[in-house]
C-alpha atoms as a PDB file:
ATOM      1  CA  MET A   1      38.997 -35.090   9.533  1.00  0.00           C
ATOM      2  CA  THR A   2      38.137 -31.573  10.681  1.00  0.00           C
ATOM      3  CA  GLY A   3      35.394 -32.490  13.086  1.00  0.00           C
ATOM      4  CA  ARG A   4      32.805 -30.552  11.087  1.00  0.00           C
ATOM      5  CA  SER A   5      29.504 -32.283  10.573  1.00  0.00           C
ATOM      6  CA  ALA A   6      27.806 -32.690   7.221  1.00  0.00           C
ATOM      7  CA  ASP A   7      25.387 -29.925   8.264  1.00  0.00           C
ATOM      8  CA  ASP A   8      28.321 -27.509   8.683  1.00  0.00           C
ATOM      9  CA  ILE A   9      29.511 -27.861   5.095  1.00  0.00           C
ATOM     10  CA  ARG A  10      26.206 -28.413   3.308  1.00  0.00           C
ATOM     11  CA  PRO A  11      24.786 -25.203   1.736  1.00  0.00           C
ATOM     12  CA  ARG A  12      21.865 -24.061   3.842  1.00  0.00           C
ATOM     13  CA  PRO A  13      18.677 -23.263   1.926  1.00  0.00           C
ATOM     14  CA  THR A  14      17.419 -19.715   2.194  1.00  0.00           C
ATOM     15  CA  ARG A  15      14.597 -19.340   4.676  1.00  0.00           C
ATOM     16  CA  PRO A  16      11.244 -17.690   3.825  1.00  0.00           C
ATOM     17  CA  LEU A  17      12.002 -14.569   5.888  1.00  0.00           C
ATOM     18  CA  ALA A  18      15.185 -13.902   3.920  1.00  0.00           C
ATOM     19  CA  ARG A  19      13.360 -14.335   0.629  1.00  0.00           C
ATOM     20  CA  THR A  20      10.645 -11.930   1.800  1.00  0.00           C
ATOM     21  CA  ALA A  21      13.310  -9.353   2.668  1.00  0.00           C
ATOM     22  CA  TYR A  22      14.920  -9.774  -0.760  1.00  0.00           C
ATOM     23  CA  LEU A  23      11.509  -9.293  -2.389  1.00  0.00           C
ATOM     24  CA  ALA A  24      10.728  -6.115  -0.434  1.00  0.00           C
ATOM     25  CA  ASN A  25      14.157  -4.718  -1.326  1.00  0.00           C
ATOM     26  CA  ALA A  26      13.733  -5.530  -5.018  1.00  0.00           C
ATOM     27  CA  VAL A  27      10.209  -4.087  -5.195  1.00  0.00           C
ATOM     28  CA  LEU A  28      11.285  -0.823  -3.568  1.00  0.00           C
ATOM     29  CA  ALA A  29      14.254  -0.440  -5.923  1.00  0.00           C
ATOM     30  CA  TRP A  30      12.139  -1.154  -9.024  1.00  0.00           C
ATOM     31  CA  LEU A  31       9.470   1.251  -7.718  1.00  0.00           C
ATOM     32  CA  GLY A  32      11.960   4.078  -7.334  1.00  0.00           C
ATOM     33  CA  VAL A  33      13.436   3.553 -10.806  1.00  0.00           C
ATOM     34  CA  GLY A  34      10.029   3.049 -12.456  1.00  0.00           C
ATOM     35  CA  LEU A  35       8.457   6.141 -10.912  1.00  0.00           C
ATOM     36  CA  THR A  36      11.468   8.258 -11.842  1.00  0.00           C
ATOM     37  CA  LEU A  37      11.429   7.130 -15.465  1.00  0.00           C
ATOM     38  CA  VAL A  38       7.658   7.598 -15.862  1.00  0.00           C
ATOM     39  CA  ILE A  39       7.661  11.049 -14.272  1.00  0.00           C
ATOM     40  CA  SER A  40      10.706  12.074 -16.289  1.00  0.00           C
ATOM     41  CA  ALA A  41       9.234  10.827 -19.569  1.00  0.00           C
ATOM     42  CA  ALA A  42       6.004  12.705 -18.844  1.00  0.00           C
ATOM     43  CA  GLY A  43       7.884  15.899 -18.052  1.00  0.00           C
ATOM     44  CA  GLY A  44       6.442  15.858 -14.549  1.00  0.00           C
ATOM     45  CA  TYR A  45       9.474  17.133 -12.683  1.00  0.00           C
ATOM     46  CA  GLU A  46       9.553  20.849 -11.924  1.00  0.00           C
ATOM     47  CA  PRO A  47      12.145  22.662 -14.041  1.00  0.00           C
ATOM     48  CA  THR A  48      15.082  23.870 -11.987  1.00  0.00           C
ATOM     49  CA  PRO A  49      17.812  26.368 -12.860  1.00  0.00           C
ATOM     50  CA  VAL A  50      20.664  24.709 -14.747  1.00  0.00           C
ATOM     51  CA  THR A  51      24.174  25.928 -14.064  1.00  0.00           C
ATOM     52  CA  GLY A  52      27.252  25.003 -16.033  1.00  0.00           C
ATOM     53  CA  ASN A  53      26.905  22.066 -18.399  1.00  0.00           C
ATOM     54  CA  LEU A  54      24.490  19.909 -16.417  1.00  0.00           C
ATOM     55  CA  TYR A  55      21.499  17.821 -17.420  1.00  0.00           C
ATOM     56  CA  GLY A  56      18.130  19.549 -17.392  1.00  0.00           C
ATOM     57  CA  VAL A  57      17.763  21.382 -20.706  1.00  0.00           C
ATOM     58  CA  HIS A  58      15.152  19.598 -22.852  1.00  0.00           C
ATOM     59  CA  PRO A  59      12.547  20.375 -25.495  1.00  0.00           C
ATOM     60  CA  GLU A  60       9.089  20.682 -24.006  1.00  0.00           C
ATOM     61  CA  GLY A  61       6.387  18.029 -24.267  1.00  0.00           C
ATOM     62  CA  VAL A  62       6.707  14.897 -26.378  1.00  0.00           C
ATOM     63  CA  ALA A  63       9.724  16.258 -28.220  1.00  0.00           C
ATOM     64  CA  GLY A  64      11.753  16.046 -25.010  1.00  0.00           C
ATOM     65  CA  VAL A  65      10.858  12.483 -23.999  1.00  0.00           C
ATOM     66  CA  VAL A  66      13.988  10.834 -25.398  1.00  0.00           C
ATOM     67  CA  SER A  67      16.231  13.571 -24.039  1.00  0.00           C
ATOM     68  CA  ARG A  68      14.718  13.451 -20.565  1.00  0.00           C
ATOM     69  CA  VAL A  69      14.752   9.661 -20.313  1.00  0.00           C
ATOM     70  CA  SER A  70      18.315   9.446 -21.682  1.00  0.00           C
ATOM     71  CA  ASP A  71      19.505  11.908 -19.055  1.00  0.00           C
ATOM     72  CA  THR A  72      17.684  10.017 -16.311  1.00  0.00           C
ATOM     73  CA  LEU A  73      19.253   6.717 -17.351  1.00  0.00           C
ATOM     74  CA  SER A  74      22.708   8.294 -17.237  1.00  0.00           C
ATOM     75  CA  TYR A  75      22.686   9.200 -13.540  1.00  0.00           C
ATOM     76  CA  PHE A  76      24.790   7.020 -11.235  1.00  0.00           C
ATOM     77  CA  THR A  77      21.820   7.068  -8.857  1.00  0.00           C
ATOM     78  CA  ILE A  78      19.677   5.238 -11.401  1.00  0.00           C
ATOM     79  CA  TRP A  79      22.449   2.777 -12.250  1.00  0.00           C
ATOM     80  CA  SER A  80      22.904   1.920  -8.573  1.00  0.00           C
ATOM     81  CA  ASN A  81      19.179   1.455  -7.977  1.00  0.00           C
ATOM     82  CA  VAL A  82      18.896  -0.729 -11.091  1.00  0.00           C
ATOM     83  CA  VAL A  83      21.785  -2.894  -9.877  1.00  0.00           C
ATOM     84  CA  VAL A  84      20.014  -3.272  -6.524  1.00  0.00           C
ATOM     85  CA  ALA A  85      16.778  -4.211  -8.289  1.00  0.00           C
ATOM     86  CA  ILE A  86      18.475  -6.816 -10.517  1.00  0.00           C
ATOM     87  CA  ALA A  87      20.630  -8.345  -7.764  1.00  0.00           C
ATOM     88  CA  LEU A  88      17.723  -8.694  -5.342  1.00  0.00           C
ATOM     89  CA  THR A  89      15.372  -9.985  -8.049  1.00  0.00           C
ATOM     90  CA  LEU A  90      17.874 -12.751  -8.800  1.00  0.00           C
ATOM     91  CA  LEU A  91      17.984 -13.616  -5.101  1.00  0.00           C
ATOM     92  CA  VAL A  92      14.190 -13.783  -4.978  1.00  0.00           C
ATOM     93  CA  ARG A  93      14.018 -16.060  -8.017  1.00  0.00           C
ATOM     94  CA  GLN A  94      16.894 -18.395  -7.084  1.00  0.00           C
ATOM     95  CA  PRO A  95      18.101 -17.467  -3.585  1.00  0.00           C
ATOM     96  CA  ASP A  96      20.472 -20.425  -3.212  1.00  0.00           C
ATOM     97  CA  ARG A  97      22.242 -20.176  -6.564  1.00  0.00           C
ATOM     98  CA  ASP A  98      25.839 -19.034  -6.174  1.00  0.00           C
ATOM     99  CA  THR A  99      27.737 -17.812  -9.268  1.00  0.00           C
ATOM    100  CA  PRO A 100      30.595 -15.300  -9.757  1.00  0.00           C
ATOM    101  CA  LEU A 101      28.251 -12.869 -11.519  1.00  0.00           C
ATOM    102  CA  ARG A 102      25.693 -13.042  -8.722  1.00  0.00           C
ATOM    103  CA  ARG A 103      28.420 -12.407  -6.147  1.00  0.00           C
ATOM    104  CA  VAL A 104      29.615  -9.308  -8.001  1.00  0.00           C
ATOM    105  CA  LEU A 105      26.092  -7.993  -8.487  1.00  0.00           C
ATOM    106  CA  ARG A 106      25.295  -8.565  -4.797  1.00  0.00           C
ATOM    107  CA  LEU A 107      28.363  -6.629  -3.664  1.00  0.00           C
ATOM    108  CA  ASP A 108      27.728  -3.912  -6.251  1.00  0.00           C
ATOM    109  CA  SER A 109      24.175  -3.562  -4.988  1.00  0.00           C
ATOM    110  CA  VAL A 110      25.335  -2.518  -1.511  1.00  0.00           C
ATOM    111  CA  LEU A 111      28.502  -0.783  -2.713  1.00  0.00           C
ATOM    112  CA  MET A 112      26.939   1.425  -5.390  1.00  0.00           C
ATOM    113  CA  ILE A 113      23.811   2.313  -3.424  1.00  0.00           C
ATOM    114  CA  THR A 114      25.962   3.253  -0.414  1.00  0.00           C
ATOM    115  CA  ILE A 115      28.103   5.547  -2.575  1.00  0.00           C
ATOM    116  CA  THR A 116      24.897   7.042  -4.000  1.00  0.00           C
ATOM    117  CA  ALA A 117      23.602   7.832  -0.509  1.00  0.00           C
ATOM    118  CA  ILE A 118      26.908   9.281   0.714  1.00  0.00           C
ATOM    119  CA  VAL A 119      27.656  11.374  -2.384  1.00  0.00           C
ATOM    120  CA  TYR A 120      24.097  12.692  -2.399  1.00  0.00           C
ATOM    121  CA  ALA A 121      24.216  13.625   1.288  1.00  0.00           C
ATOM    122  CA  VAL A 122      27.681  15.200   1.146  1.00  0.00           C
ATOM    123  CA  LEU A 123      27.986  16.725  -2.326  1.00  0.00           C
ATOM    124  CA  LEU A 124      24.508  17.098  -3.818  1.00  0.00           C
ATOM    125  CA  ALA A 125      21.852  17.523  -1.129  1.00  0.00           C
ATOM    126  CA  PRO A 126      23.192  20.854   0.195  1.00  0.00           C
ATOM    127  CA  SER A 127      22.451  22.540  -3.140  1.00  0.00           C
ATOM    128  CA  ALA A 128      19.635  20.292  -4.409  1.00  0.00           C
ATOM    129  CA  VAL A 129      16.249  21.849  -5.139  1.00  0.00           C
ATOM    130  CA  VAL A 130      13.668  19.249  -4.119  1.00  0.00           C
ATOM    131  CA  VAL A 131      10.201  20.234  -5.274  1.00  0.00           C
ATOM    132  CA  GLY A 132       7.162  18.559  -6.825  1.00  0.00           C
ATOM    133  CA  TRP A 133       7.546  14.874  -7.630  1.00  0.00           C
ATOM    134  CA  SER A 134      11.163  14.957  -6.465  1.00  0.00           C
ATOM    135  CA  ARG A 135       9.838  14.996  -2.911  1.00  0.00           C
ATOM    136  CA  LEU A 136       8.578  11.483  -3.562  1.00  0.00           C
ATOM    137  CA  THR A 137      11.304   9.938  -5.705  1.00  0.00           C
ATOM    138  CA  ASP A 138      14.434  11.538  -4.206  1.00  0.00           C
ATOM    139  CA  PRO A 139      14.002   9.954  -0.750  1.00  0.00           C
ATOM    140  CA  ILE A 140      13.287   6.542  -2.289  1.00  0.00           C
ATOM    141  CA  LEU A 141      16.346   6.628  -4.543  1.00  0.00           C
ATOM    142  CA  HIS A 142      18.839   8.277  -2.194  1.00  0.00           C
ATOM    143  CA  GLN A 143      17.770   7.320   1.327  1.00  0.00           C
ATOM    144  CA  VAL A 144      15.122   4.602   1.742  1.00  0.00           C
ATOM    145  CA  THR A 145      16.451   2.108  -0.807  1.00  0.00           C
ATOM    146  CA  PRO A 146      20.081   2.545   0.347  1.00  0.00           C
ATOM    147  CA  ALA A 147      19.126   2.030   4.001  1.00  0.00           C
ATOM    148  CA  LEU A 148      17.009  -1.045   3.273  1.00  0.00           C
ATOM    149  CA  THR A 149      19.635  -2.560   0.949  1.00  0.00           C
ATOM    150  CA  VAL A 150      22.405  -2.307   3.529  1.00  0.00           C
ATOM    151  CA  LEU A 151      20.119  -3.623   6.275  1.00  0.00           C
ATOM    152  CA  VAL A 152      19.040  -6.630   4.204  1.00  0.00           C
ATOM    153  CA  PHE A 153      22.662  -7.404   3.329  1.00  0.00           C
ATOM    154  CA  LEU A 154      23.780  -7.259   6.967  1.00  0.00           C
ATOM    155  CA  VAL A 155      20.904  -9.405   8.238  1.00  0.00           C
ATOM    156  CA  PHE A 156      20.298 -11.851   5.388  1.00  0.00           C
ATOM    157  CA  GLY A 157      23.473 -11.878   3.301  1.00  0.00           C
ATOM    158  CA  PRO A 158      24.034 -14.227   1.558  1.00  0.00           C
ATOM    159  CA  ARG A 159      27.138 -14.730   3.696  1.00  0.00           C
ATOM    160  CA  ARG A 160      30.662 -15.477   2.433  1.00  0.00           C
ATOM    161  CA  TRP A 161      30.024 -14.271  -1.099  1.00  0.00           C
ATOM    162  CA  VAL A 162      32.579 -11.445  -0.873  1.00  0.00           C
ATOM    163  CA  THR A 163      36.229 -12.143  -1.679  1.00  0.00           C
ATOM    164  CA  GLY A 164      39.171 -10.064  -2.841  1.00  0.00           C
ATOM    165  CA  ARG A 165      38.442 -10.943  -6.459  1.00  0.00           C
ATOM    166  CA  VAL A 166      34.800  -9.975  -6.041  1.00  0.00           C
ATOM    167  CA  VAL A 167      35.854  -6.613  -4.574  1.00  0.00           C
ATOM    168  CA  LEU A 168      38.043  -5.899  -7.608  1.00  0.00           C
ATOM    169  CA  ALA A 169      35.394  -7.137 -10.050  1.00  0.00           C
ATOM    170  CA  SER A 170      32.804  -4.903  -8.391  1.00  0.00           C
ATOM    171  CA  MET A 171      34.586  -1.875  -9.870  1.00  0.00           C
ATOM    172  CA  ALA A 172      33.594  -2.899 -13.409  1.00  0.00           C
ATOM    173  CA  ILE A 173      30.069  -1.455 -13.334  1.00  0.00           C
ATOM    174  CA  PRO A 174      31.096   1.894 -11.783  1.00  0.00           C
ATOM    175  CA  LEU A 175      33.858   2.132 -14.399  1.00  0.00           C
ATOM    176  CA  ALA A 176      31.334   1.364 -17.133  1.00  0.00           C
ATOM    177  CA  TRP A 177      29.139   4.197 -15.836  1.00  0.00           C
ATOM    178  CA  ILE A 178      32.092   6.619 -15.906  1.00  0.00           C
ATOM    179  CA  VAL A 179      32.932   5.684 -19.498  1.00  0.00           C
ATOM    180  CA  TRP A 180      29.287   6.002 -20.585  1.00  0.00           C
ATOM    181  CA  MET A 181      28.720   9.290 -18.746  1.00  0.00           C
ATOM    182  CA  LEU A 182      31.858  10.943 -20.131  1.00  0.00           C
ATOM    183  CA  ALA A 183      31.380   9.598 -23.668  1.00  0.00           C
ATOM    184  CA  ARG A 184      27.760  10.734 -23.757  1.00  0.00           C
ATOM    185  CA  GLY A 185      28.725  14.066 -22.240  1.00  0.00           C
ATOM    186  CA  ALA A 186      31.273  14.637 -24.994  1.00  0.00           C
ATOM    187  CA  VAL A 187      28.451  14.199 -27.519  1.00  0.00           C
ATOM    188  CA  VAL A 188      25.573  16.086 -25.867  1.00  0.00           C
ATOM    189  CA  GLY A 189      27.688  18.613 -23.971  1.00  0.00           C
ATOM    190  CA  ALA A 190      26.031  17.911 -20.613  1.00  0.00           C
ATOM    191  CA  TYR A 191      26.865  15.946 -17.479  1.00  0.00           C
ATOM    192  CA  PRO A 192      24.874  14.666 -14.498  1.00  0.00           C
ATOM    193  CA  TYR A 193      26.780  16.280 -11.626  1.00  0.00           C
ATOM    194  CA  ASP A 194      28.857  19.388 -10.932  1.00  0.00           C
ATOM    195  CA  PHE A 195      31.903  17.288 -10.054  1.00  0.00           C
ATOM    196  CA  ALA A 196      31.642  15.543 -13.447  1.00  0.00           C
ATOM    197  CA  ASP A 197      31.105  18.721 -15.511  1.00  0.00           C
ATOM    198  CA  VAL A 198      34.065  18.493 -17.883  1.00  0.00           C
ATOM    199  CA  GLY A 199      33.015  21.660 -19.728  1.00  0.00           C
ATOM    200  CA  THR A 200      33.415  23.720 -16.567  1.00  0.00           C
ATOM    201  CA  ARG A 201      36.074  21.878 -14.550  1.00  0.00           C
ATOM    202  CA  GLY A 202      38.142  20.240 -17.294  1.00  0.00           C
ATOM    203  CA  TYR A 203      39.142  16.610 -17.688  1.00  0.00           C
ATOM    204  CA  PRO A 204      42.052  16.584 -15.193  1.00  0.00           C
ATOM    205  CA  ALA A 205      39.913  17.860 -12.301  1.00  0.00           C
ATOM    206  CA  VAL A 206      36.997  15.592 -13.169  1.00  0.00           C
ATOM    207  CA  ALA A 207      39.297  12.580 -13.565  1.00  0.00           C
ATOM    208  CA  ALA A 208      40.866  13.262 -10.157  1.00  0.00           C
ATOM    209  CA  THR A 209      37.450  13.464  -8.479  1.00  0.00           C
ATOM    210  CA  LEU A 210      36.176  10.306 -10.167  1.00  0.00           C
ATOM    211  CA  ALA A 211      39.378   8.449  -9.297  1.00  0.00           C
ATOM    212  CA  GLY A 212      38.916   9.491  -5.687  1.00  0.00           C
ATOM    213  CA  ILE A 213      35.346   8.189  -5.706  1.00  0.00           C
ATOM    214  CA  LEU A 214      36.540   4.868  -7.168  1.00  0.00           C
ATOM    215  CA  VAL A 215      39.176   4.518  -4.456  1.00  0.00           C
ATOM    216  CA  PHE A 216      36.498   5.307  -1.896  1.00  0.00           C
ATOM    217  CA  GLY A 217      34.379   2.609  -3.559  1.00  0.00           C
ATOM    218  CA  VAL A 218      37.117   0.022  -3.021  1.00  0.00           C
ATOM    219  CA  VAL A 219      37.287   1.051   0.644  1.00  0.00           C
ATOM    220  CA  VAL A 220      33.511   0.724   1.018  1.00  0.00           C
ATOM    221  CA  ALA A 221      33.588  -2.706  -0.651  1.00  0.00           C
ATOM    222  CA  ALA A 222      36.363  -3.790   1.703  1.00  0.00           C
ATOM    223  CA  VAL A 223      34.284  -2.613   4.674  1.00  0.00           C
ATOM    224  CA  PHE A 224      31.349  -4.754   3.573  1.00  0.00           C
ATOM    225  CA  TRP A 225      33.750  -7.670   3.049  1.00  0.00           C
ATOM    226  CA  GLY A 226      34.974  -7.248   6.603  1.00  0.00           C
ATOM    227  CA  LEU A 227      31.450  -6.927   8.011  1.00  0.00           C
ATOM    228  CA  ASP A 228      30.424 -10.087   6.195  1.00  0.00           C
ATOM    229  CA  ALA A 229      33.385 -11.973   7.683  1.00  0.00           C
ATOM    230  CA  VAL A 230      32.715 -10.658  11.190  1.00  0.00           C
ATOM    231  CA  ILE A 231      29.022 -11.550  11.087  1.00  0.00           C
ATOM    232  CA  THR A 232      29.846 -15.068   9.876  1.00  0.00           C
ATOM    233  CA  ARG A 233      32.525 -15.572  12.518  1.00  0.00           C
ATOM    234  CA  VAL A 234      30.422 -14.204  15.390  1.00  0.00           C
ATOM    235  CA  THR A 235      27.453 -16.352  14.421  1.00  0.00           C
ATOM    236  CA  ARG A 236      29.556 -19.514  14.272  1.00  0.00           C
ATOM    237  CA  THR A 237      31.389 -18.727  17.515  1.00  0.00           C
ATOM    238  CA  ALA A 238      28.085 -18.204  19.287  1.00  0.00           C
ATOM    239  CA  GLY A 239      27.046 -21.652  18.150  1.00  0.00           C
ATOM    240  CA  GLY A 240      23.730 -20.401  16.842  1.00  0.00           C
ATOM    241  CA  PRO A 241      22.116 -20.916  13.466  1.00  0.00           C
ATOM    242  CA  GLN A 242      23.692 -19.226  10.488  1.00  0.00           C
ATOM    243  CA  PRO A 243      22.081 -15.935   9.367  1.00  0.00           C
ATOM    244  CA  GLU A 244      19.224 -16.495   6.976  1.00  0.00           C
ATOM    245  CA  GLY A 245      20.338 -16.531   3.375  1.00  0.00           C
ATOM    246  CA  THR A 246      23.747 -17.979   4.270  1.00  0.00           C
ATOM    247  CA  SER A 247      25.716 -19.714   1.537  1.00  0.00           C
ATOM    248  CA  THR A 248      28.821 -21.679   2.390  1.00  0.00           C
END
């Protein structure tokens, strides 16, 4: 006997406030992705100077729809926001269902969107030209959604979903993006970011940068793992109710 009551080991159902937070997070992520795709397909973004072998050169009008949308769907920013949207939608639909895939998607949602925010702020924002519709969509994709996603994770969890195996598995989607981005770039001759521009920097330099970002991703995932453990431990030590959305 461990002295733990049945209430301590029984999975706690997600409370309405947690589900509302998941819903708000999902809606914002879908909104950012949807607006970006619609504006891109319509050619609504202001043309900006393209240097090196970067995305941004498209036929005008209807002829450029496929090219513009394909480029948009190949940005890590869009991938990370889509992962957030899917992970939080699953939590809204079945907040108390715990599966390995859901655990990985939940960690990837905070991991990938955090990397998006940091890389944008450090590497891209200093030289980014934000005009027209970008003034609306850029903050949603790179700042508002990341901030809300991390906040919702810290407050509502679900708790104790992150493990060492989940941290390692969370690298699968970022790796898939790297493979897709480089393979597509080899075909179309264009890349989403300066640091991924193989035509200008060469494969060794690009590979080194991407490897560094992946290592940083593992560190970020480990930080969220630690935060999750600390929040769970502090809550239990204080003797209060578990954070909303807790799974045990």
